[in-house]
């Protein structure tokens, strides 16, 4: 029995040592050798405790559907060219459909066989005779639309998370809320808030479109825009100038290539020290770029980013190798931010900021102070109450309670978990302290019943632990099971509360049953106590 007690004491001592190592970085800077060999992560504080940026974004998922339709229009045009089907134009008729005007109505069957079968999730909804030809309308399946919109939201979350990581914000929280909203929390962000918002919300939708060489820009500016074309502007800002120059371009709406094919984007200086973005395409993207440039030699290809023309160079020859550049009057910071969002990935659809809330550090400091004071006050009241009511046994329970609090913070700071402490999390800790001490109260009341039945102090204590165990275990287990869905599906405050509650309940099982029992066994086996102060 004594050897078993020694083993239990060794386990408790080892737990205390590990907890001390995990918590030490939270109380001050650690030496360099510590960072090299030992954990150096302090307890993470949430947005409500240390301040930062809180955003609620809405994804305009319908724009992602429009992009799919535009890309499919290009595939349909290429398929008609391969099948030698003559057509006048191909235009998007709504956000989820497009229309093809065939010159010869007799080629409708060939179009059905050679083109539609290559277009995934599109079906023919109308075929209207028009001037000896036929206008065929193709529409995207509703199920495909739903999947595209869901995928757009998921991709937006991944893209924003990648951007925030590269921006250098520590411990970001980016989660889906509802069907088309995203919550972004950046704890600790106190500087460059506007720059971070700009990086997050920038769509960075990179598109390559052919300039409409046959159209007249002046007529288009007066409202006579040719079908299938649109006016986009190039904005030039000369260094040191107070004005900007807006140059109109008449470009085809059809997108020949998007930034989805991008694999890398880097900032490079030219011979005059001006910054430009060097881009690399994937193998498939490089092949499309080579084919497009080869088929339109002598025409201009507009490089469009977020509906703004950055450059429109003349295609002098087929461009192979999968490389391109974006030129513009960038500052060093603008160039690096643009390369960052391109490298992290373009948003599949634009996002709107529905809520922008910056929590100041003073509010965070007040929250920390008030929450800490509340927990400490609750701890002191419980300690005094237990010591008065249960005497020395209450003191033993108080020791376990303090250890319970230490272990909760140590586990939250552990490298494997790195949980975030929020203001509701402090409430969860306060609730956990009450449930932890309640476990000892159950044990002590059972022990008192045994003592009233005439049992010896040691036998009464033994029966008190054995009979109360199932009640304590069942109560903690059911509470943990109820809190797990909050961890899985909850966000922000709800998740913070559930995390600390679950950690606290699991720790309380160790402190209330294992630690206090070891202390009592030490008193009776080593110190040979004959009575029980309870």
Protein backbone atom coordinates (compact mmCIF):
# COMPACT_ATOMS: atom_id res chain seq x y z
CA UNK A 1 0.00 0.00 0.00
CA UNK A 2 2.81 2.41 0.89
CA UNK A 3 4.56 1.65 -2.43
CA UNK A 4 1.29 2.36 -4.21
CA UNK A 5 1.02 5.61 -2.28
CA UNK A 6 4.55 6.55 -3.27
CA UNK A 7 3.68 5.97 -6.90
CA UNK A 8 0.62 8.20 -6.63
CA UNK A 9 2.63 10.93 -4.93
CA UNK A 10 5.22 10.67 -7.69
CA UNK A 11 2.47 11.09 -10.31
CA UNK A 12 1.13 14.19 -8.53
CA UNK A 13 4.64 15.64 -8.26
CA UNK A 14 5.29 14.99 -11.95
CA UNK A 15 2.02 16.69 -12.90
CA UNK A 16 2.94 19.73 -10.82
CA UNK A 17 6.38 19.97 -12.44
CA UNK A 18 4.93 19.75 -15.96
CA UNK A 19 2.29 22.35 -15.08
CA UNK A 20 4.98 24.70 -13.76
CA UNK A 21 6.95 24.41 -17.02
CA UNK A 22 3.82 25.05 -19.10
CA UNK A 23 2.73 28.08 -17.08
CA UNK A 24 6.12 29.76 -16.59
CA UNK A 25 6.06 31.56 -20.01
CA UNK A 26 2.75 33.17 -19.01
CA UNK A 27 4.42 35.06 -16.15
CA UNK A 28 7.29 36.68 -18.02
CA UNK A 29 9.89 36.36 -20.78
CA UNK A 30 11.77 33.09 -20.96
CA UNK A 31 15.50 32.72 -21.67
CA UNK A 32 16.72 31.66 -25.11
CA UNK A 33 17.72 28.17 -23.98
CA UNK A 34 14.16 27.65 -22.69
CA UNK A 35 12.70 28.49 -26.12
CA UNK A 36 15.01 25.95 -27.71
CA UNK A 37 14.20 22.97 -25.49
CA UNK A 38 10.98 23.70 -23.58
CA UNK A 39 7.46 24.95 -24.37
CA UNK A 40 7.36 28.75 -24.44
CA UNK A 41 3.69 29.43 -25.23
CA UNK A 42 1.81 31.59 -22.74
CA UNK A 43 -1.91 31.17 -22.18
CA UNK A 44 -3.66 32.58 -25.25
CA UNK A 45 -6.11 35.38 -24.55
CA UNK A 46 -9.17 35.82 -26.72
CA UNK A 47 -10.33 38.95 -28.49
CA UNK A 48 -12.45 40.04 -25.54
CA UNK A 49 -9.49 39.89 -23.16
CA UNK A 50 -6.58 41.36 -25.12
CA UNK A 51 -8.34 43.43 -27.76
CA UNK A 52 -8.11 43.11 -31.53
CA UNK A 53 -10.27 43.07 -34.64
CA UNK A 54 -13.68 41.43 -35.08
CA UNK A 55 -15.27 41.22 -38.54
CA UNK A 56 -18.46 39.66 -39.86
CA UNK A 57 -18.26 39.14 -43.63
CA UNK A 58 -20.93 38.17 -46.14
CA UNK A 59 -19.84 36.18 -49.20
CA UNK A 60 -21.59 37.20 -52.43
CA UNK A 61 -21.69 33.59 -53.56
CA UNK A 62 -23.75 34.35 -56.67
CA UNK A 63 -20.65 35.96 -58.18
CA UNK A 64 -18.89 32.59 -57.96
CA UNK A 65 -21.69 31.09 -60.06
CA UNK A 66 -21.23 33.87 -62.63
CA UNK A 67 -17.50 33.06 -62.81
CA UNK A 68 -18.28 29.39 -63.50
CA UNK A 69 -20.69 30.39 -66.26
CA UNK A 70 -18.08 32.70 -67.82
CA UNK A 71 -15.46 29.95 -67.74
CA UNK A 72 -17.91 27.49 -69.30
CA UNK A 73 -18.61 29.98 -72.10
CA UNK A 74 -14.91 29.81 -72.98
CA UNK A 75 -15.03 26.01 -72.96
CA UNK A 76 -18.10 26.06 -75.21
CA UNK A 77 -16.37 28.42 -77.65
CA UNK A 78 -13.32 26.15 -77.80
CA UNK A 79 -15.52 23.05 -78.30
CA UNK A 80 -17.41 24.75 -81.17
CA UNK A 81 -14.14 25.70 -82.81
CA UNK A 82 -12.91 22.10 -82.60
CA UNK A 83 -16.20 20.80 -84.03
CA UNK A 84 -16.19 23.53 -86.73
CA UNK A 85 -19.57 24.85 -85.61
CA UNK A 86 -20.13 28.40 -86.80
CA UNK A 87 -21.58 30.87 -84.31
CA UNK A 88 -22.18 34.61 -84.19
CA UNK A 89 -21.70 35.29 -80.49
CA UNK A 90 -21.89 33.74 -77.05
CA UNK A 91 -23.28 35.85 -74.20
CA UNK A 92 -24.20 35.35 -70.56
CA UNK A 93 -27.97 35.85 -70.29
CA UNK A 94 -28.25 35.64 -66.49
CA UNK A 95 -26.05 34.77 -63.53
CA UNK A 96 -26.57 31.00 -64.13
CA UNK A 97 -27.07 30.72 -67.91
CA UNK A 98 -25.66 31.79 -71.26
CA UNK A 99 -26.86 31.93 -74.86
CA UNK A 100 -25.10 30.77 -78.04
CA UNK A 101 -26.22 32.13 -81.44
CA UNK A 102 -25.49 29.52 -84.13
CA UNK A 103 -25.35 30.79 -87.68
CA UNK A 104 -26.88 27.60 -89.13
CA UNK A 105 -29.94 26.08 -87.45
CA UNK A 106 -29.01 22.74 -88.97
CA UNK A 107 -25.96 22.51 -86.75
CA UNK A 108 -28.07 22.35 -83.57
CA UNK A 109 -27.81 18.55 -83.43
CA UNK A 110 -24.04 18.71 -83.88
CA UNK A 111 -23.91 21.32 -81.08
CA UNK A 112 -25.88 18.99 -78.79
CA UNK A 113 -23.57 16.08 -79.52
CA UNK A 114 -20.18 17.80 -79.55
CA UNK A 115 -20.56 20.71 -77.14
CA UNK A 116 -23.24 20.14 -74.50
CA UNK A 117 -21.89 16.72 -73.58
CA UNK A 118 -18.56 18.37 -72.66
CA UNK A 119 -20.16 20.97 -70.38
CA UNK A 120 -20.66 19.56 -66.91
CA UNK A 121 -23.90 20.42 -65.07
CA UNK A 122 -25.33 22.50 -67.95
CA UNK A 123 -28.54 21.63 -69.80
CA UNK A 124 -30.30 23.16 -72.78
CA UNK A 125 -33.43 25.05 -71.74
CA UNK A 126 -34.38 26.84 -74.98
CA UNK A 127 -33.68 26.85 -78.73
CA UNK A 128 -35.16 29.87 -80.55
CA UNK A 129 -34.89 30.45 -84.33
CA UNK A 130 -33.10 33.72 -85.11
CA UNK A 131 -32.25 35.03 -88.59
CA UNK A 132 -31.67 31.66 -90.24
CA UNK A 133 -29.77 30.42 -87.22
CA UNK A 134 -30.78 29.43 -83.74
CA UNK A 135 -30.20 30.85 -80.24
CA UNK A 136 -29.53 28.09 -77.71
CA UNK A 137 -29.76 28.83 -73.98
CA UNK A 138 -27.79 26.67 -71.55
CA UNK A 139 -28.56 26.78 -67.81
CA UNK A 140 -26.65 25.51 -64.80
CA UNK A 141 -28.30 22.81 -62.67
CA UNK A 142 -29.76 24.10 -59.34
CA UNK A 143 -27.87 21.44 -57.39
CA UNK A 144 -24.63 22.56 -59.02
CA UNK A 145 -25.44 26.19 -58.13
CA UNK A 146 -25.95 25.24 -54.47
CA UNK A 147 -22.68 23.31 -54.39
CA UNK A 148 -20.77 26.16 -56.06
CA UNK A 149 -22.11 28.65 -53.51
CA UNK A 150 -21.22 26.38 -50.57
CA UNK A 151 -17.76 25.79 -52.02
CA UNK A 152 -17.30 29.52 -52.48
CA UNK A 153 -17.90 30.12 -48.77
CA UNK A 154 -15.53 27.30 -47.76
CA UNK A 155 -12.85 28.54 -50.14
CA UNK A 156 -13.30 32.08 -48.83
CA UNK A 157 -12.60 30.85 -45.29
CA UNK A 158 -9.42 29.05 -46.40
CA UNK A 159 -8.29 32.03 -48.47
CA UNK A 160 -8.85 34.55 -45.68
CA UNK A 161 -7.08 32.29 -43.19
CA UNK A 162 -4.09 31.99 -45.55
CA UNK A 163 -3.97 35.75 -46.02
CA UNK A 164 -4.11 36.44 -42.30
CA UNK A 165 -1.37 33.87 -41.64
CA UNK A 166 0.92 35.47 -44.22
CA UNK A 167 0.06 38.92 -42.89
CA UNK A 168 1.60 37.86 -39.59
CA UNK A 169 -1.44 37.99 -37.28
CA UNK A 170 -1.04 35.45 -34.48
CA UNK A 171 -3.75 32.96 -33.59
CA UNK A 172 -6.51 34.08 -35.99
CA UNK A 173 -10.03 32.65 -35.73
CA UNK A 174 -11.84 32.36 -39.09
CA UNK A 175 -15.08 30.35 -39.08
CA UNK A 176 -18.27 29.97 -41.12
CA UNK A 177 -21.39 31.45 -39.53
CA UNK A 178 -24.71 30.45 -41.10
CA UNK A 179 -24.78 29.78 -44.84
CA UNK A 180 -22.92 32.71 -46.36
CA UNK A 181 -21.24 34.59 -43.50
CA UNK A 182 -17.76 34.39 -42.04
CA UNK A 183 -16.58 35.56 -38.62
CA UNK A 184 -12.97 36.75 -38.46
CA UNK A 185 -11.33 37.46 -35.11
CA UNK A 186 -7.74 38.69 -34.89
CA UNK A 187 -6.79 38.89 -31.19
CA UNK A 188 -3.95 41.23 -30.31
CA UNK A 189 -4.05 43.22 -33.56
CA UNK A 190 -3.57 46.84 -32.49
CA UNK A 191 -1.68 48.34 -35.44
CA UNK A 192 -2.30 48.31 -39.19
CA UNK A 193 -5.97 47.50 -38.63
CA UNK A 194 -7.07 49.20 -41.86
CA UNK A 195 -4.36 47.42 -43.83
CA UNK A 196 -5.44 44.07 -42.39
CA UNK A 197 -9.07 44.76 -43.35
CA UNK A 198 -7.99 45.68 -46.87
CA UNK A 199 -5.98 42.47 -47.21
CA UNK A 200 -8.87 40.37 -45.90
CA UNK A 201 -11.66 41.82 -48.02
CA UNK A 202 -9.74 42.30 -51.26
CA UNK A 203 -11.20 39.88 -53.75
CA UNK A 204 -7.98 39.73 -55.80
CA UNK A 205 -9.97 38.27 -58.66
CA UNK A 206 -7.33 38.08 -61.39
CA UNK A 207 -8.77 37.78 -64.89
CA UNK A 208 -7.33 37.87 -68.38
CA UNK A 209 -9.70 39.34 -70.97
CA UNK A 210 -9.22 40.25 -74.61
CA UNK A 211 -9.60 43.90 -75.55
CA UNK A 212 -12.49 44.50 -77.96
CA UNK A 213 -10.44 45.80 -80.91
CA UNK A 214 -13.50 46.18 -83.16
CA UNK A 215 -15.50 48.28 -80.71
CA UNK A 216 -15.37 52.06 -80.36
CA UNK A 217 -14.47 53.23 -76.85
CA UNK A 218 -15.93 56.70 -77.40
CA UNK A 219 -19.32 55.28 -78.46
CA UNK A 220 -19.23 52.87 -75.55
CA UNK A 221 -18.65 55.75 -73.14
CA UNK A 222 -21.77 57.41 -74.55
CA UNK A 223 -23.80 54.29 -73.76
CA UNK A 224 -23.45 52.32 -77.00
CA UNK A 225 -21.60 49.33 -75.51
CA UNK A 226 -21.36 46.36 -77.94
CA UNK A 227 -23.01 43.12 -76.74
CA UNK A 228 -20.57 40.93 -74.87
CA UNK A 229 -18.25 43.81 -74.00
CA UNK A 230 -17.82 46.16 -71.04
CA UNK A 231 -15.87 49.25 -70.06
CA UNK A 232 -13.11 48.89 -67.47
CA UNK A 233 -10.64 51.52 -66.37
CA UNK A 234 -6.93 51.64 -65.84
CA UNK A 235 -5.96 53.96 -62.98
CA UNK A 236 -2.51 55.52 -63.09
CA UNK A 237 -0.99 57.24 -60.09
CA UNK A 238 2.31 58.92 -60.79
CA UNK A 239 4.74 59.06 -57.85
CA UNK A 240 4.23 62.30 -55.93
CA UNK A 241 1.22 63.33 -58.01
CA UNK A 242 -1.98 64.47 -56.34
CA UNK A 243 -4.26 63.42 -59.22
CA UNK A 244 -4.98 60.12 -60.91
CA UNK A 245 -5.56 59.31 -64.56
CA UNK A 246 -8.45 57.01 -65.53
CA UNK A 247 -8.05 55.42 -68.94
CA UNK A 248 -11.08 53.53 -70.33
CA UNK A 249 -10.72 50.15 -72.02
CA UNK A 250 -13.39 48.30 -73.97
CA UNK A 251 -12.86 44.62 -73.14
CA UNK A 252 -14.73 41.42 -73.83
CA UNK A 253 -16.73 40.12 -70.86
CA UNK A 254 -15.62 36.57 -71.54
CA UNK A 255 -12.82 35.50 -69.20
CA UNK A 256 -10.08 33.57 -70.97
CA UNK A 257 -8.10 32.74 -67.81
CA UNK A 258 -8.43 33.43 -64.07
CA UNK A 259 -6.06 33.63 -61.15
CA UNK A 260 -7.19 30.18 -60.01
CA UNK A 261 -4.45 28.85 -62.29
CA UNK A 262 -1.82 30.86 -60.39
CA UNK A 263 0.83 28.95 -58.44
CA UNK A 264 3.07 31.80 -57.27
CA UNK A 265 3.31 35.59 -57.20
CA UNK A 266 6.44 37.55 -56.33
CA UNK A 267 7.47 41.20 -56.13
CA UNK A 268 10.30 42.19 -58.46
CA UNK A 269 11.90 45.56 -59.28
CA UNK A 270 12.42 46.58 -62.91
CA UNK A 271 15.47 48.37 -64.30
CA UNK A 272 14.13 51.69 -63.02
CA UNK A 273 13.39 50.44 -59.50
CA UNK A 274 9.62 50.25 -60.04
CA UNK A 275 7.84 47.27 -58.55
CA UNK A 276 5.94 44.69 -60.59
CA UNK A 277 4.34 41.30 -59.80
CA UNK A 278 5.84 38.22 -61.44
CA UNK A 279 3.34 35.34 -61.73
CA UNK A 280 3.68 31.63 -62.45
CA UNK A 281 0.80 29.50 -63.75
CA UNK A 282 0.00 25.86 -63.20
CA UNK A 283 0.61 23.44 -66.05
CA UNK A 284 -3.03 23.58 -67.18
CA UNK A 285 -3.12 27.37 -66.80
CA UNK A 286 0.10 27.72 -68.76
CA UNK A 287 -1.33 25.66 -71.60
CA UNK A 288 -4.46 27.83 -71.74
CA UNK A 289 -2.35 31.00 -71.65
CA UNK A 290 -0.18 29.69 -74.46
CA UNK A 291 -3.20 28.73 -76.57
CA UNK A 292 -4.96 32.07 -76.07
CA UNK A 293 -1.90 34.16 -76.84
CA UNK A 294 -1.16 32.03 -79.90
CA UNK A 295 -4.69 32.49 -81.27
CA UNK A 296 -4.76 36.27 -80.75
CA UNK A 297 -1.36 37.51 -81.89
CA UNK A 298 -1.51 41.24 -82.62
CA UNK A 299 -4.41 41.84 -80.21
CA UNK A 300 -4.26 43.27 -76.71
CA UNK A 301 -4.78 41.14 -73.61
CA UNK A 302 -6.08 43.03 -70.58
CA UNK A 303 -4.81 41.94 -67.17
CA UNK A 304 -7.74 42.74 -64.87
CA UNK A 305 -7.66 42.63 -61.09
CA UNK A 306 -10.91 43.34 -59.24
CA UNK A 307 -12.43 44.95 -62.34
CA UNK A 308 -9.47 47.28 -62.74
CA UNK A 309 -7.17 47.07 -65.76
CA UNK A 310 -3.54 47.00 -64.66
CA UNK A 311 -2.07 46.60 -68.12
CA UNK A 312 -3.17 45.69 -71.62
CA UNK A 313 -0.07 44.68 -73.60
CA UNK A 314 -0.14 43.71 -77.28
CA UNK A 315 0.37 39.97 -77.81
CA UNK A 316 3.41 39.90 -80.08
CA UNK A 317 3.84 36.13 -80.14
CA UNK A 318 2.68 32.92 -78.50
CA UNK A 319 3.71 33.05 -74.80
CA UNK A 320 4.88 29.68 -73.51
CA UNK A 321 6.33 28.69 -70.14
CA UNK A 322 3.40 29.77 -67.94
CA UNK A 323 4.75 33.17 -66.82
CA UNK A 324 3.27 36.67 -66.81
CA UNK A 325 3.69 39.99 -65.01
CA UNK A 326 1.45 42.75 -63.61
CA UNK A 327 2.85 46.25 -63.97
CA UNK A 328 1.61 49.40 -62.27
CA UNK A 329 2.70 52.33 -60.16
CA UNK A 330 2.96 50.30 -56.95
CA UNK A 331 4.50 51.38 -53.71
CA UNK A 332 6.59 48.71 -52.04
CA UNK A 333 3.81 47.99 -49.51
CA UNK A 334 1.09 47.87 -52.20
CA UNK A 335 3.15 45.46 -54.30
CA UNK A 336 3.80 43.10 -51.38
CA UNK A 337 0.15 43.17 -50.26
CA UNK A 338 -1.01 42.42 -53.82
CA UNK A 339 1.46 39.55 -54.16
CA UNK A 340 0.32 38.27 -50.76
CA UNK A 341 -3.36 38.05 -51.70
CA UNK A 342 -2.57 36.55 -55.12
CA UNK A 343 -0.28 33.97 -53.54
CA UNK A 344 -2.80 33.10 -50.82
CA UNK A 345 -5.49 32.73 -53.46
CA UNK A 346 -8.20 34.94 -54.84
CA UNK A 347 -11.54 34.99 -53.14
CA UNK A 348 -14.01 32.93 -55.20
CA UNK A 349 -16.59 35.68 -54.68
CA UNK A 350 -16.58 39.23 -53.28
CA UNK A 351 -17.18 39.73 -49.56
CA UNK A 352 -19.03 42.55 -47.83
CA UNK A 353 -18.17 43.70 -44.32
CA UNK A 354 -21.38 43.59 -42.30
CA UNK A 355 -19.75 44.36 -38.95
CA UNK A 356 -16.37 45.85 -38.13
CA UNK A 357 -15.58 46.09 -34.45
CA UNK A 358 -12.20 46.94 -32.98
CA UNK A 359 -11.75 46.06 -29.31
CA UNK A 360 -9.27 48.43 -27.70
CA UNK A 361 -6.52 47.20 -25.38
CA UNK A 362 -7.95 49.21 -22.47
CA UNK A 363 -11.22 47.27 -22.70
CA UNK A 364 -9.23 44.04 -22.86
CA UNK A 365 -7.19 45.00 -19.79
CA UNK A 366 -10.37 45.86 -17.87
CA UNK A 367 -11.90 42.54 -18.88
CA UNK A 368 -8.83 40.65 -17.70
CA UNK A 369 -8.79 42.49 -14.38
CA UNK A 370 -12.50 42.07 -13.68
CA UNK A 371 -12.53 38.44 -14.75
CA UNK A 372 -9.45 37.66 -12.68
CA UNK A 373 -10.92 39.38 -9.65
CA UNK A 374 -14.18 37.45 -10.02
CA UNK A 375 -12.39 34.10 -10.20
CA UNK A 376 -10.10 34.96 -7.27
CA UNK A 377 -13.00 36.17 -5.14
CA UNK A 378 -14.99 33.02 -5.88
CA UNK A 379 -11.95 30.88 -5.07
CA UNK A 380 -11.37 32.66 -1.74
CA UNK A 381 -15.01 32.35 -0.67
CA UNK A 382 -15.09 28.64 -1.51
CA UNK A 383 -11.80 28.02 0.33
CA UNK A 384 -13.02 29.79 3.46
CA UNK A 385 -16.41 28.07 3.36
CA UNK A 386 -14.91 24.59 2.95
CA UNK A 387 -12.35 25.14 5.73
CA UNK A 388 -15.02 26.37 8.14
CA UNK A 389 -17.61 23.70 7.37
CA UNK A 390 -15.42 20.62 6.84
CA UNK A 391 -12.41 21.68 8.91
CA UNK A 392 -9.16 19.87 7.97
CA UNK A 393 -10.92 17.79 5.33
CA UNK A 394 -12.11 21.06 3.81
CA UNK A 395 -8.49 22.28 3.74
CA UNK A 396 -7.54 19.13 1.79
CA UNK A 397 -10.34 19.90 -0.70
CA UNK A 398 -9.07 23.49 -0.94
CA UNK A 399 -5.59 22.25 -1.87
CA UNK A 400 -7.11 20.14 -4.64
CA UNK A 401 -9.18 23.12 -5.79
CA UNK A 402 -6.11 25.37 -6.16
CA UNK A 403 -4.33 22.58 -8.03
CA UNK A 404 -7.41 22.23 -10.23
CA UNK A 405 -7.12 25.90 -11.25
CA UNK A 406 -3.39 25.57 -11.95
CA UNK A 407 -3.88 22.50 -14.14
CA UNK A 408 -6.67 24.14 -16.17
CA UNK A 409 -4.39 27.00 -17.23
CA UNK A 410 -1.46 24.62 -17.80
CA UNK A 411 -3.51 22.43 -20.14
CA UNK A 412 -4.80 25.49 -22.02
CA UNK A 413 -1.20 26.62 -22.56
CA UNK A 414 0.04 23.17 -23.66
CA UNK A 415 1.46 23.04 -27.23
CA UNK A 416 -0.88 20.23 -28.21
CA UNK A 417 -4.06 22.15 -27.36
CA UNK A 418 -3.29 25.91 -27.35
CA UNK A 419 -6.84 26.74 -26.25
CA UNK A 420 -7.91 30.37 -26.11
CA UNK A 421 -9.06 31.91 -22.83
CA UNK A 422 -12.06 34.18 -23.32
CA UNK A 423 -14.24 36.14 -20.93
CA UNK A 424 -16.95 33.44 -21.05
CA UNK A 425 -14.09 30.99 -20.52
CA UNK A 426 -13.44 32.62 -17.17
CA UNK A 427 -17.11 32.01 -16.38
CA UNK A 428 -16.56 28.37 -17.33
CA UNK A 429 -13.63 28.20 -14.91
CA UNK A 430 -15.74 29.67 -12.12
CA UNK A 431 -18.45 27.09 -12.81
CA UNK A 432 -15.84 24.33 -12.88
CA UNK A 433 -14.55 25.34 -9.45
CA UNK A 434 -18.04 24.97 -8.05
CA UNK A 435 -18.47 21.53 -9.62
CA UNK A 436 -14.99 20.46 -8.49
CA UNK A 437 -15.67 21.34 -4.87
CA UNK A 438 -19.10 19.73 -5.17
CA UNK A 439 -17.37 16.40 -5.87
CA UNK A 440 -15.53 16.64 -2.56
CA UNK A 441 -18.74 17.65 -0.79
CA UNK A 442 -20.40 14.46 -2.05
CA UNK A 443 -17.46 12.42 -0.75
CA UNK A 444 -17.43 14.16 2.63
CA UNK A 445 -21.18 13.80 3.15
CA UNK A 446 -20.99 10.11 2.35
CA UNK A 447 -18.10 9.81 4.78
CA UNK A 448 -20.11 11.55 7.51
CA UNK A 449 -22.94 9.07 7.01
CA UNK A 450 -20.48 6.21 7.43
CA UNK A 451 -19.09 7.78 10.59
CA UNK A 452 -22.61 8.13 12.04
CA UNK A 453 -23.07 4.40 11.41
CA UNK A 454 -20.09 3.72 13.71
CA UNK A 455 -17.41 3.00 11.09
CA UNK A 456 -13.78 3.84 11.78
CA UNK A 457 -12.34 7.01 10.20
CA UNK A 458 -10.36 5.09 7.59
CA UNK A 459 -13.22 2.73 6.71
CA UNK A 460 -15.70 5.62 6.52
CA UNK A 461 -13.38 7.50 4.18
CA UNK A 462 -12.89 4.40 2.03
CA UNK A 463 -16.66 3.90 1.69
CA UNK A 464 -17.22 7.62 1.11
CA UNK A 465 -14.93 7.61 -1.95
CA UNK A 466 -16.23 4.32 -3.38
CA UNK A 467 -19.93 5.22 -3.02
CA UNK A 468 -19.59 8.78 -4.34
CA UNK A 469 -17.44 7.83 -7.33
CA UNK A 470 -20.26 6.75 -9.65
CA UNK A 471 -22.31 9.87 -8.91
CA UNK A 472 -19.35 12.19 -9.54
CA UNK A 473 -18.33 10.36 -12.72
CA UNK A 474 -21.85 10.32 -14.18
CA UNK A 475 -22.45 14.01 -13.42
CA UNK A 476 -19.15 15.13 -14.99
CA UNK A 477 -19.51 12.83 -18.01
CA UNK A 478 -23.01 14.02 -18.89
CA UNK A 479 -21.92 17.67 -18.58
CA UNK A 480 -18.91 17.03 -20.84
CA UNK A 481 -21.09 15.31 -23.43
CA UNK A 482 -23.45 18.28 -23.41
CA UNK A 483 -20.53 20.70 -23.87
CA UNK A 484 -18.80 18.84 -26.73
CA UNK A 485 -21.29 20.03 -29.41
CA UNK A 486 -20.65 23.59 -28.22
CA UNK A 487 -16.94 23.08 -28.92
CA UNK A 488 -17.60 21.54 -32.32
CA UNK A 489 -20.24 23.95 -33.61
CA UNK A 490 -19.99 26.98 -31.35
CA UNK A 491 -18.01 30.11 -32.18
CA UNK A 492 -16.29 32.78 -30.12
CA UNK A 493 -17.72 33.14 -26.60
CA UNK A 494 -19.76 29.91 -26.69
CA UNK A 495 -16.75 27.84 -27.70
CA UNK A 496 -14.52 29.55 -25.13
CA UNK A 497 -16.97 28.72 -22.35
CA UNK A 498 -17.32 25.08 -23.44
CA UNK A 499 -13.55 24.52 -23.77
CA UNK A 500 -12.71 25.68 -20.26
CA UNK A 501 -15.71 23.83 -18.84
CA UNK A 502 -14.65 20.50 -20.37
CA UNK A 503 -11.01 20.93 -19.36
CA UNK A 504 -12.04 21.88 -15.84
CA UNK A 505 -14.37 18.90 -15.42
CA UNK A 506 -11.74 16.42 -16.57
CA UNK A 507 -9.14 17.99 -14.29
CA UNK A 508 -11.56 18.00 -11.35
CA UNK A 509 -11.92 14.21 -11.66
CA UNK A 510 -8.16 13.98 -11.12
CA UNK A 511 -7.93 16.47 -8.27
CA UNK A 512 -11.12 15.56 -6.39
CA UNK A 513 -10.69 11.78 -6.55
CA UNK A 514 -7.00 11.11 -7.07
CA UNK A 515 -5.19 13.99 -5.31
CA UNK A 516 -7.39 14.28 -2.21
CA UNK A 517 -7.44 10.50 -1.80
CA UNK A 518 -3.62 10.43 -1.92
CA UNK A 519 -3.44 13.13 0.76
CA UNK A 520 -5.82 11.25 3.07
CA UNK A 521 -3.97 7.97 2.49
CA UNK A 522 -0.71 9.69 3.36
CA UNK A 523 -2.24 10.94 6.60
CA UNK A 524 -3.48 7.50 7.64
CA UNK A 525 -0.75 5.26 6.26
CA UNK A 526 2.34 7.36 6.98
CA UNK A 527 1.32 9.76 9.73
CA UNK A 528 -0.95 7.17 11.39
CA UNK A 529 -3.92 9.47 12.00
CA UNK A 530 -6.70 7.80 14.03
CA UNK A 531 -9.47 10.39 13.71
CA UNK A 532 -10.94 12.35 10.84
CA UNK A 533 -11.56 16.12 11.07
CA UNK A 534 -14.70 16.46 8.97
